[in-house]
Amino acid sequence: MLLRYASGKVVLFEAIGGTGVTLTDWNDFIDNKWNHAYKKIVYRKLIVQRTPEMLTEFENFIKVSSIFEHINTLF
């Protein structure tokens, strides 16, 4: 999933076998040629009503997912 912050920064929210859920800066993803690991990358715009509650819940989901998966890689 691609996420664009209000600042314009784009990150990739991705679940990877072995390392878990990661947030990767899009520029790093391209600069390191990690996009070559995929046969196809599909972009679909998510059209949703962005209420403050929805954005807060989504942000919490990303934080918890990233932290949980990082903790799993430590053990």
PDB file of N, CA and C in Angstrom:
ATOM      1  N   MET A   1       0.849  -1.153   0.000  1.00  0.00           N
ATOM      2  CA  MET A   1       0.000   0.000   0.000  1.00  0.00           C
ATOM      3  C   MET A   1       0.907   1.231   0.000  1.00  0.00           C
ATOM      4  N   LEU A   2       0.597   2.189  -0.864  1.00  0.00           N
ATOM      5  CA  LEU A   2       1.327   3.446  -0.877  1.00  0.00           C
ATOM      6  C   LEU A   2       0.577   4.471  -0.050  1.00  0.00           C
ATOM      7  N   LEU A   3       1.313   5.192   0.761  1.00  0.00           N
ATOM      8  CA  LEU A   3       0.725   6.245   1.588  1.00  0.00           C
ATOM      9  C   LEU A   3       1.430   7.553   1.279  1.00  0.00           C
ATOM     10  N   ARG A   4       0.641   8.607   1.082  1.00  0.00           N
ATOM     11  CA  ARG A   4       1.229   9.928   0.873  1.00  0.00           C
ATOM     12  C   ARG A   4       0.857  10.808   2.044  1.00  0.00           C
ATOM     13  N   TYR A   5       1.868  11.314   2.722  1.00  0.00           N
ATOM     14  CA  TYR A   5       1.647  12.197   3.862  1.00  0.00           C
ATOM     15  C   TYR A   5       1.330  13.604   3.378  1.00  0.00           C
ATOM     16  N   ALA A   6       0.818  14.440   4.270  1.00  0.00           N
ATOM     17  CA  ALA A   6       0.486  15.823   3.932  1.00  0.00           C
ATOM     18  C   ALA A   6       1.704  16.569   3.402  1.00  0.00           C
ATOM     19  N   SER A   7       2.898  16.176   3.831  1.00  0.00           N
ATOM     20  CA  SER A   7       4.139  16.805   3.375  1.00  0.00           C
ATOM     21  C   SER A   7       4.476  16.455   1.927  1.00  0.00           C
ATOM     22  N   GLY A   8       3.780  15.432   1.392  1.00  0.00           N
ATOM     23  CA  GLY A   8       4.056  14.960   0.041  1.00  0.00           C
ATOM     24  C   GLY A   8       4.922  13.718   0.012  1.00  0.00           C
ATOM     25  N   LYS A   9       5.509  13.368   1.147  1.00  0.00           N
ATOM     26  CA  LYS A   9       6.357  12.175   1.230  1.00  0.00           C
ATOM     27  C   LYS A   9       5.510  10.928   0.976  1.00  0.00           C
ATOM     28  N   VAL A  10       6.048  10.010   0.172  1.00  0.00           N
ATOM     29  CA  VAL A  10       5.352   8.759  -0.153  1.00  0.00           C
ATOM     30  C   VAL A  10       6.127   7.603   0.463  1.00  0.00           C
ATOM     31  N   VAL A  11       5.403   6.711   1.129  1.00  0.00           N
ATOM     32  CA  VAL A  11       6.005   5.515   1.714  1.00  0.00           C
ATOM     33  C   VAL A  11       5.222   4.287   1.269  1.00  0.00           C
ATOM     34  N   LEU A  12       5.906   3.169   1.301  1.00  0.00           N
ATOM     35  CA  LEU A  12       5.297   1.887   0.975  1.00  0.00           C
ATOM     36  C   LEU A  12       5.065   1.140   2.280  1.00  0.00           C
ATOM     37  N   PHE A  13       3.831   0.771   2.542  1.00  0.00           N
ATOM     38  CA  PHE A  13       3.453  -0.037   3.711  1.00  0.00           C
ATOM     39  C   PHE A  13       3.306  -1.451   3.178  1.00  0.00           C
ATOM     40  N   GLU A  14       4.216  -2.330   3.590  1.00  0.00           N
ATOM     41  CA  GLU A  14       4.336  -3.620   2.929  1.00  0.00           C
ATOM     42  C   GLU A  14       4.565  -4.743   3.928  1.00  0.00           C
ATOM     43  N   ALA A  15       3.949  -5.887   3.668  1.00  0.00           N
ATOM     44  CA  ALA A  15       4.181  -7.085   4.473  1.00  0.00           C
ATOM     45  C   ALA A  15       5.127  -7.996   3.691  1.00  0.00           C
ATOM     46  N   ILE A  16       6.280  -8.287   4.308  1.00  0.00           N
ATOM     47  CA  ILE A  16       7.311  -9.084   3.645  1.00  0.00           C
ATOM     48  C   ILE A  16       7.590 -10.315   4.491  1.00  0.00           C
ATOM     49  N   GLY A  17       7.614 -11.473   3.856  1.00  0.00           N
ATOM     50  CA  GLY A  17       7.946 -12.695   4.567  1.00  0.00           C
ATOM     51  C   GLY A  17       9.334 -12.605   5.180  1.00  0.00           C
ATOM     52  N   GLY A  18       9.450 -12.947   6.434  1.00  0.00           N
ATOM     53  CA  GLY A  18      10.739 -12.931   7.107  1.00  0.00           C
ATOM     54  C   GLY A  18      11.013 -11.656   7.886  1.00  0.00           C
ATOM     55  N   THR A  19      10.630 -10.502   7.323  1.00  0.00           N
ATOM     56  CA  THR A  19      10.877  -9.248   8.033  1.00  0.00           C
ATOM     57  C   THR A  19       9.599  -8.613   8.554  1.00  0.00           C
ATOM     58  N   GLY A  20       8.463  -9.073   8.076  1.00  0.00           N
ATOM     59  CA  GLY A  20       7.185  -8.554   8.575  1.00  0.00           C
ATOM     60  C   GLY A  20       6.748  -7.282   7.883  1.00  0.00           C
ATOM     61  N   VAL A  21       5.993  -6.475   8.586  1.00  0.00           N
ATOM     62  CA  VAL A  21       5.421  -5.249   8.048  1.00  0.00           C
ATOM     63  C   VAL A  21       6.456  -4.129   8.147  1.00  0.00           C
ATOM     64  N   THR A  22       6.621  -3.413   7.046  1.00  0.00           N
ATOM     65  CA  THR A  22       7.594  -2.319   7.030  1.00  0.00           C
ATOM     66  C   THR A  22       6.995  -1.073   6.397  1.00  0.00           C
ATOM     67  N   LEU A  23       7.529   0.062   6.773  1.00  0.00           N
ATOM     68  CA  LEU A  23       7.265   1.330   6.101  1.00  0.00           C
ATOM     69  C   LEU A  23       8.572   1.725   5.427  1.00  0.00           C
ATOM     70  N   THR A  24       8.556   1.823   4.114  1.00  0.00           N
ATOM     71  CA  THR A  24       9.759   2.143   3.357  1.00  0.00           C
ATOM     72  C   THR A  24       9.523   3.398   2.539  1.00  0.00           C
ATOM     73  N   ASP A  25      10.431   4.342   2.643  1.00  0.00           N
ATOM     74  CA  ASP A  25      10.354   5.540   1.825  1.00  0.00           C
ATOM     75  C   ASP A  25      10.372   5.133   0.346  1.00  0.00           C
ATOM     76  N   TRP A  26       9.466   5.698  -0.439  1.00  0.00           N
ATOM     77  CA  TRP A  26       9.342   5.325  -1.857  1.00  0.00           C
ATOM     78  C   TRP A  26      10.651   5.588  -2.610  1.00  0.00           C
ATOM     79  N   ASN A  27      11.305   6.690  -2.321  1.00  0.00           N
ATOM     80  CA  ASN A  27      12.568   6.993  -3.001  1.00  0.00           C
ATOM     81  C   ASN A  27      13.623   5.942  -2.691  1.00  0.00           C
ATOM     82  N   ASP A  28      13.689   5.466  -1.444  1.00  0.00           N
ATOM     83  CA  ASP A  28      14.621   4.393  -1.086  1.00  0.00           C
ATOM     84  C   ASP A  28      14.272   3.107  -1.817  1.00  0.00           C
ATOM     85  N   PHE A  29      12.985   2.828  -1.923  1.00  0.00           N
ATOM     86  CA  PHE A  29      12.503   1.633  -2.614  1.00  0.00           C
ATOM     87  C   PHE A  29      12.990   1.619  -4.061  1.00  0.00           C
ATOM     88  N   ILE A  30      12.879   2.752  -4.734  1.00  0.00           N
ATOM     89  CA  ILE A  30      13.310   2.849  -6.134  1.00  0.00           C
ATOM     90  C   ILE A  30      14.834   2.908  -6.235  1.00  0.00           C
ATOM     91  N   ASP A  31      15.474   3.735  -5.391  1.00  0.00           N
ATOM     92  CA  ASP A  31      16.938   3.883  -5.446  1.00  0.00           C
ATOM     93  C   ASP A  31      17.665   2.559  -5.219  1.00  0.00           C
ATOM     94  N   ASN A  32      17.122   1.722  -4.341  1.00  0.00           N
ATOM     95  CA  ASN A  32      17.723   0.417  -4.054  1.00  0.00           C
ATOM     96  C   ASN A  32      17.276  -0.676  -5.013  1.00  0.00           C
ATOM     97  N   LYS A  33      16.430  -0.282  -5.979  1.00  0.00           N
ATOM     98  CA  LYS A  33      15.923  -1.202  -7.011  1.00  0.00           C
ATOM     99  C   LYS A  33      15.141  -2.389  -6.429  1.00  0.00           C
ATOM    100  N   TRP A  34      14.528  -2.153  -5.257  1.00  0.00           N
ATOM    101  CA  TRP A  34      13.716  -3.213  -4.666  1.00  0.00           C
ATOM    102  C   TRP A  34      12.475  -3.495  -5.507  1.00  0.00           C
ATOM    103  N   ASN A  35      12.089  -2.542  -6.344  1.00  0.00           N
ATOM    104  CA  ASN A  35      10.962  -2.753  -7.237  1.00  0.00           C
ATOM    105  C   ASN A  35      11.248  -3.880  -8.244  1.00  0.00           C
ATOM    106  N   HIS A  36      12.518  -4.202  -8.465  1.00  0.00           N
ATOM    107  CA  HIS A  36      12.878  -5.278  -9.391  1.00  0.00           C
ATOM    108  C   HIS A  36      12.545  -6.658  -8.818  1.00  0.00           C
ATOM    109  N   ALA A  37      12.241  -6.729  -7.535  1.00  0.00           N
ATOM    110  CA  ALA A  37      11.883  -8.005  -6.916  1.00  0.00           C
ATOM    111  C   ALA A  37      10.452  -8.415  -7.265  1.00  0.00           C
ATOM    112  N   TYR A  38       9.718  -7.526  -7.892  1.00  0.00           N
ATOM    113  CA  TYR A  38       8.309  -7.775  -8.206  1.00  0.00           C
ATOM    114  C   TYR A  38       8.111  -7.880  -9.712  1.00  0.00           C
ATOM    115  N   LYS A  39       7.320  -8.833 -10.103  1.00  0.00           N
ATOM    116  CA  LYS A  39       6.985  -8.981 -11.515  1.00  0.00           C
ATOM    117  C   LYS A  39       6.054  -7.856 -11.959  1.00  0.00           C
ATOM    118  N   LYS A  40       5.154  -7.488 -11.056  1.00  0.00           N
ATOM    119  CA  LYS A  40       4.177  -6.447 -11.383  1.00  0.00           C
ATOM    120  C   LYS A  40       3.825  -5.685 -10.116  1.00  0.00           C
ATOM    121  N   ILE A  41       3.713  -4.375 -10.244  1.00  0.00           N
ATOM    122  CA  ILE A  41       3.222  -3.530  -9.159  1.00  0.00           C
ATOM    123  C   ILE A  41       1.996  -2.806  -9.694  1.00  0.00           C
ATOM    124  N   VAL A  42       0.877  -2.952  -8.999  1.00  0.00           N
ATOM    125  CA  VAL A  42      -0.388  -2.362  -9.434  1.00  0.00           C
ATOM    126  C   VAL A  42      -0.752  -1.234  -8.488  1.00  0.00           C
ATOM    127  N   TYR A  43      -1.149  -0.123  -9.058  1.00  0.00           N
ATOM    128  CA  TYR A  43      -1.559   1.048  -8.288  1.00  0.00           C
ATOM    129  C   TYR A  43      -3.057   1.243  -8.465  1.00  0.00           C
ATOM    130  N   ARG A  44      -3.771   1.296  -7.367  1.00  0.00           N
ATOM    131  CA  ARG A  44      -5.209   1.586  -7.389  1.00  0.00           C
ATOM    132  C   ARG A  44      -5.481   2.643  -6.338  1.00  0.00           C
ATOM    133  N   LYS A  45      -6.148   3.686  -6.739  1.00  0.00           N
ATOM    134  CA  LYS A  45      -6.469   4.757  -5.803  1.00  0.00           C
ATOM    135  C   LYS A  45      -7.635   4.327  -4.927  1.00  0.00           C
ATOM    136  N   LEU A  46      -7.470   4.503  -3.629  1.00  0.00           N
ATOM    137  CA  LEU A  46      -8.527   4.205  -2.671  1.00  0.00           C
ATOM    138  C   LEU A  46      -9.375   5.451  -2.501  1.00  0.00           C
ATOM    139  N   ILE A  47     -10.627   5.345  -2.853  1.00  0.00           N
ATOM    140  CA  ILE A  47     -11.540   6.471  -2.703  1.00  0.00           C
ATOM    141  C   ILE A  47     -12.379   6.209  -1.458  1.00  0.00           C
ATOM    142  N   VAL A  48     -12.161   7.050  -0.455  1.00  0.00           N
ATOM    143  CA  VAL A  48     -12.822   6.852   0.822  1.00  0.00           C
ATOM    144  C   VAL A  48     -13.031   8.220   1.467  1.00  0.00           C
ATOM    145  N   GLN A  49     -14.078   8.331   2.240  1.00  0.00           N
ATOM    146  CA  GLN A  49     -14.306   9.559   2.983  1.00  0.00           C
ATOM    147  C   GLN A  49     -13.312   9.612   4.140  1.00  0.00           C
ATOM    148  N   ARG A  50     -12.453  10.600   4.127  1.00  0.00           N
ATOM    149  CA  ARG A  50     -11.387  10.703   5.128  1.00  0.00           C
ATOM    150  C   ARG A  50     -11.856  11.518   6.326  1.00  0.00           C
ATOM    151  N   THR A  51     -12.536  10.848   7.200  1.00  0.00           N
ATOM    152  CA  THR A  51     -12.962  11.522   8.427  1.00  0.00           C
ATOM    153  C   THR A  51     -11.799  11.524   9.406  1.00  0.00           C
ATOM    154  N   PRO A  52     -11.778  12.430  10.351  1.00  0.00           N
ATOM    155  CA  PRO A  52     -10.711  12.419  11.355  1.00  0.00           C
ATOM    156  C   PRO A  52     -10.622  11.086  12.097  1.00  0.00           C
ATOM    157  N   GLU A  53     -11.765  10.486  12.387  1.00  0.00           N
ATOM    158  CA  GLU A  53     -11.776   9.207  13.102  1.00  0.00           C
ATOM    159  C   GLU A  53     -11.147   8.106  12.257  1.00  0.00           C
ATOM    160  N   MET A  54     -11.483   8.070  10.980  1.00  0.00           N
ATOM    161  CA  MET A  54     -10.938   7.044  10.088  1.00  0.00           C
ATOM    162  C   MET A  54      -9.439   7.193   9.956  1.00  0.00           C
ATOM    163  N   LEU A  55      -8.953   8.413   9.794  1.00  0.00           N
ATOM    164  CA  LEU A  55      -7.523   8.644   9.658  1.00  0.00           C
ATOM    165  C   LEU A  55      -6.768   8.281  10.932  1.00  0.00           C
ATOM    166  N   THR A  56      -7.352   8.577  12.079  1.00  0.00           N
ATOM    167  CA  THR A  56      -6.727   8.220  13.352  1.00  0.00           C
ATOM    168  C   THR A  56      -6.632   6.706  13.495  1.00  0.00           C
ATOM    169  N   GLU A  57      -7.711   6.003  13.194  1.00  0.00           N
ATOM    170  CA  GLU A  57      -7.706   4.537  13.284  1.00  0.00           C
ATOM    171  C   GLU A  57      -6.714   3.927  12.301  1.00  0.00           C
ATOM    172  N   PHE A  58      -6.652   4.467  11.098  1.00  0.00           N
ATOM    173  CA  PHE A  58      -5.726   3.957  10.087  1.00  0.00           C
ATOM    174  C   PHE A  58      -4.278   4.179  10.533  1.00  0.00           C
ATOM    175  N   GLU A  59      -3.983   5.355  11.051  1.00  0.00           N
ATOM    176  CA  GLU A  59      -2.640   5.653  11.545  1.00  0.00           C
ATOM    177  C   GLU A  59      -2.266   4.728  12.701  1.00  0.00           C
ATOM    178  N   ASN A  60      -3.198   4.481  13.602  1.00  0.00           N
ATOM    179  CA  ASN A  60      -2.948   3.555  14.712  1.00  0.00           C
ATOM    180  C   ASN A  60      -2.676   2.145  14.201  1.00  0.00           C
ATOM    181  N   PHE A  61      -3.420   1.709  13.200  1.00  0.00           N
ATOM    182  CA  PHE A  61      -3.218   0.391  12.597  1.00  0.00           C
ATOM    183  C   PHE A  61      -1.805   0.266  12.035  1.00  0.00           C
ATOM    184  N   ILE A  62      -1.363   1.290  11.332  1.00  0.00           N
ATOM    185  CA  ILE A  62      -0.020   1.264  10.752  1.00  0.00           C
ATOM    186  C   ILE A  62       1.038   1.221  11.848  1.00  0.00           C
ATOM    187  N   LYS A  63       0.895   2.045  12.865  1.00  0.00           N
ATOM    188  CA  LYS A  63       1.860   2.073  13.963  1.00  0.00           C
ATOM    189  C   LYS A  63       1.929   0.728  14.674  1.00  0.00           C
ATOM    190  N   VAL A  64       0.778   0.181  15.020  1.00  0.00           N
ATOM    191  CA  VAL A  64       0.729  -1.097  15.743  1.00  0.00           C
ATOM    192  C   VAL A  64       1.279  -2.218  14.872  1.00  0.00           C
ATOM    193  N   SER A  65       0.912  -2.260  13.612  1.00  0.00           N
ATOM    194  CA  SER A  65       1.401  -3.306  12.709  1.00  0.00           C
ATOM    195  C   SER A  65       2.908  -3.251  12.579  1.00  0.00           C
ATOM    196  N   SER A  66       3.443  -2.061  12.397  1.00  0.00           N
ATOM    197  CA  SER A  66       4.890  -1.903  12.233  1.00  0.00           C
ATOM    198  C   SER A  66       5.630  -2.278  13.510  1.00  0.00           C
ATOM    199  N   ILE A  67       5.146  -1.853  14.648  1.00  0.00           N
ATOM    200  CA  ILE A  67       5.789  -2.159  15.924  1.00  0.00           C
ATOM    201  C   ILE A  67       5.718  -3.656  16.212  1.00  0.00           C
ATOM    202  N   PHE A  68       4.522  -4.251  16.005  1.00  0.00           N
ATOM    203  CA  PHE A  68       4.334  -5.682  16.270  1.00  0.00           C
ATOM    204  C   PHE A  68       5.269  -6.516  15.417  1.00  0.00           C
ATOM    205  N   GLU A  69       5.359  -6.179  14.130  1.00  0.00           N
ATOM    206  CA  GLU A  69       6.220  -6.957  13.245  1.00  0.00           C
ATOM    207  C   GLU A  69       7.692  -6.725  13.568  1.00  0.00           C
ATOM    208  N   HIS A  70       8.053  -5.524  13.976  1.00  0.00           N
ATOM    209  CA  HIS A  70       9.447  -5.271  14.369  1.00  0.00           C
ATOM    210  C   HIS A  70       9.807  -6.105  15.597  1.00  0.00           C
ATOM    211  N   ILE A  71       8.909  -6.173  16.559  1.00  0.00           N
ATOM    212  CA  ILE A  71       9.150  -6.978  17.762  1.00  0.00           C
ATOM    213  C   ILE A  71       9.311  -8.440  17.400  1.00  0.00           C
ATOM    214  N   ASN A  72       8.501  -8.942  16.449  1.00  0.00           N
ATOM    215  CA  ASN A  72       8.608 -10.336  16.032  1.00  0.00           C
ATOM    216  C   ASN A  72       9.967 -10.654  15.427  1.00  0.00           C
ATOM    217  N   THR A  73      10.587  -9.678  14.764  1.00  0.00           N
ATOM    218  CA  THR A  73      11.889  -9.955  14.146  1.00  0.00           C
ATOM    219  C   THR A  73      13.008 -10.011  15.181  1.00  0.00           C
ATOM    220  N   LEU A  74      12.751  -9.547  16.381  1.00  0.00           N
ATOM    221  CA  LEU A  74      13.782  -9.567  17.424  1.00  0.00           C
ATOM    222  C   LEU A  74      13.929 -10.928  18.080  1.00  0.00           C
ATOM    223  N   PHE A  75      12.934 -11.802  17.926  1.00  0.00           N
ATOM    224  CA  PHE A  75      12.949 -13.096  18.614  1.00  0.00           C
ATOM    225  C   PHE A  75      13.187 -14.239  17.670  1.00  0.00           C
TER     226      PHE A  75
END
